[in-house]
Protein backbone atom coordinates (compact mmCIF):
# COMPACT_ATOMS: atom_id res chain seq x y z
CA GLN A 1 147.47 74.49 206.70
CA VAL A 2 144.11 76.24 206.68
CA GLN A 3 141.54 74.34 204.68
CA LEU A 4 137.91 75.20 204.03
CA VAL A 5 135.77 72.73 202.08
CA GLU A 6 132.27 73.71 201.02
CA SER A 7 129.53 71.25 200.15
CA GLY A 8 125.78 71.17 199.65
CA GLY A 9 125.41 73.21 196.49
CA GLY A 10 123.35 72.11 193.53
CA LEU A 11 120.34 72.79 191.36
CA VAL A 12 117.10 73.77 193.08
CA GLN A 13 113.78 75.15 191.91
CA PRO A 14 112.65 78.66 192.88
CA GLY A 15 111.15 78.59 196.35
CA GLY A 16 113.25 75.62 197.37
CA SER A 17 115.88 75.24 200.06
CA LEU A 18 119.49 74.20 200.34
CA ARG A 19 121.92 73.93 203.23
CA LEU A 20 125.56 74.65 202.55
CA SER A 21 128.27 73.31 204.83
CA CYS A 22 131.87 74.37 205.21
CA ALA A 23 134.24 71.99 206.97
CA ALA A 24 137.28 73.74 208.43
CA SER A 25 140.64 72.33 209.40
CA GLY A 26 144.17 73.45 210.12
CA PHE A 27 143.31 76.27 212.51
CA ARG A 28 141.57 77.01 215.80
CA PHE A 29 138.06 77.28 214.37
CA SER A 30 136.35 78.68 217.46
CA ILE A 31 138.33 81.94 217.46
CA TYR A 32 137.75 82.73 213.78
CA ALA A 33 134.84 84.75 212.47
CA MET A 34 133.14 82.88 209.64
CA SER A 35 131.32 84.20 206.60
CA TRP A 36 129.65 83.17 203.38
CA TYR A 37 130.19 85.15 200.19
CA ARG A 38 128.85 84.61 196.71
CA GLN A 39 129.81 85.59 193.21
CA ALA A 40 127.45 85.53 190.27
CA PRO A 41 128.72 85.56 186.66
CA GLY A 42 129.91 89.02 185.68
CA LYS A 43 129.48 90.38 189.20
CA GLU A 44 131.77 91.11 192.11
CA ARG A 45 131.98 88.82 195.08
CA GLU A 46 129.57 89.95 197.80
CA LEU A 47 129.05 89.20 201.45
CA VAL A 48 125.99 87.04 202.11
CA ALA A 49 126.23 86.39 205.83
CA SER A 50 128.75 86.55 208.64
CA LEU A 51 128.94 85.11 212.13
CA SER A 52 131.31 86.35 214.79
CA THR A 53 132.90 84.28 217.51
CA THR A 54 130.39 85.78 219.96
CA GLY A 55 127.39 84.85 217.85
CA VAL A 56 126.71 88.19 216.19
CA THR A 57 125.25 87.74 212.72
CA ASN A 58 125.10 90.05 209.76
CA TYR A 59 123.20 89.50 206.50
CA ALA A 60 123.01 91.12 203.12
CA ASP A 61 119.68 92.90 202.70
CA SER A 62 118.84 90.63 199.76
CA VAL A 63 118.86 87.49 201.93
CA LYS A 64 117.52 88.74 205.27
CA GLY A 65 114.67 86.58 206.49
CA ARG A 66 115.53 83.79 204.03
CA PHE A 67 119.08 82.71 204.89
CA ALA A 68 120.57 81.74 208.25
CA ILE A 69 124.21 81.25 209.16
CA SER A 70 125.24 79.01 212.03
CA ARG A 71 128.32 77.24 213.32
CA ASP A 72 129.15 74.09 215.23
CA ASN A 73 132.49 74.58 216.94
CA ALA A 74 132.59 70.94 218.01
CA LYS A 75 132.48 69.90 214.34
CA ASN A 76 134.56 72.81 213.00
CA THR A 77 131.75 73.50 210.56
CA VAL A 78 129.78 76.55 209.47
CA TYR A 79 126.43 76.29 207.73
CA LEU A 80 124.26 78.44 205.53
CA GLN A 81 120.58 77.50 205.48
CA MET A 82 118.98 79.00 202.39
CA ASN A 83 115.20 79.07 202.09
CA SER A 84 112.80 80.60 199.57
CA LEU A 85 115.53 80.59 196.97
CA LYS A 86 115.25 82.90 193.98
CA PRO A 87 116.91 82.77 190.57
CA GLU A 88 118.98 85.81 191.58
CA ASP A 89 120.56 83.69 194.33
CA THR A 90 122.35 81.72 191.63
CA ALA A 91 126.10 82.05 192.24
CA VAL A 92 129.21 80.32 193.45
CA TYR A 93 129.12 80.41 197.23
CA TYR A 94 132.37 80.71 199.15
CA CYS A 95 133.14 80.03 202.78
CA SER A 96 135.58 82.42 204.43
CA ALA A 97 137.40 82.46 207.74
CA ARG A 98 138.89 85.58 209.32
CA SER A 99 141.50 85.28 212.03
CA PRO A 100 141.79 87.58 215.05
CA ALA A 101 144.73 89.18 213.19
CA GLN A 102 142.36 89.89 210.28
CA LEU A 103 143.88 87.33 207.93
CA ARG A 104 141.24 85.94 205.59
CA PHE A 105 141.08 82.48 204.10
CA TRP A 106 138.80 81.11 201.39
CA GLY A 107 137.30 77.82 200.33
CA GLN A 108 137.09 76.68 196.73
CA GLY A 109 133.40 77.48 196.36
CA THR A 110 130.23 75.52 195.63
CA GLN A 111 127.78 76.25 192.83
CA VAL A 112 124.17 77.06 193.65
CA THR A 113 121.77 77.26 190.72
CA VAL A 114 118.14 78.28 191.21
CA SER A 115 116.12 77.50 188.12
CA SER A 116 112.93 75.82 187.03
């Protein structure tokens, strides 16, 4: 079955960096569009970054220039490099896969806390 496992979250000081990873299994990774979402306490889940199968990226305005999404199809893994982190980036970050038939799958999430 489809499985998405995020890792790399944690506590970081403002201005610091983290790299999230999402290991995928159970499906043909290379033909799925991959995305990262986040959900802060009391807020709705929001799109952070997406990466199509052809390499087209899309970012939320709040993270443009600071975050970068990438994928390694040989490792069935998608990454989110997060630089210049701010306290408002604190959230649970979720990996998501979208099939060509527009079915969406989710990981369990990883906590990112930006605090001094």
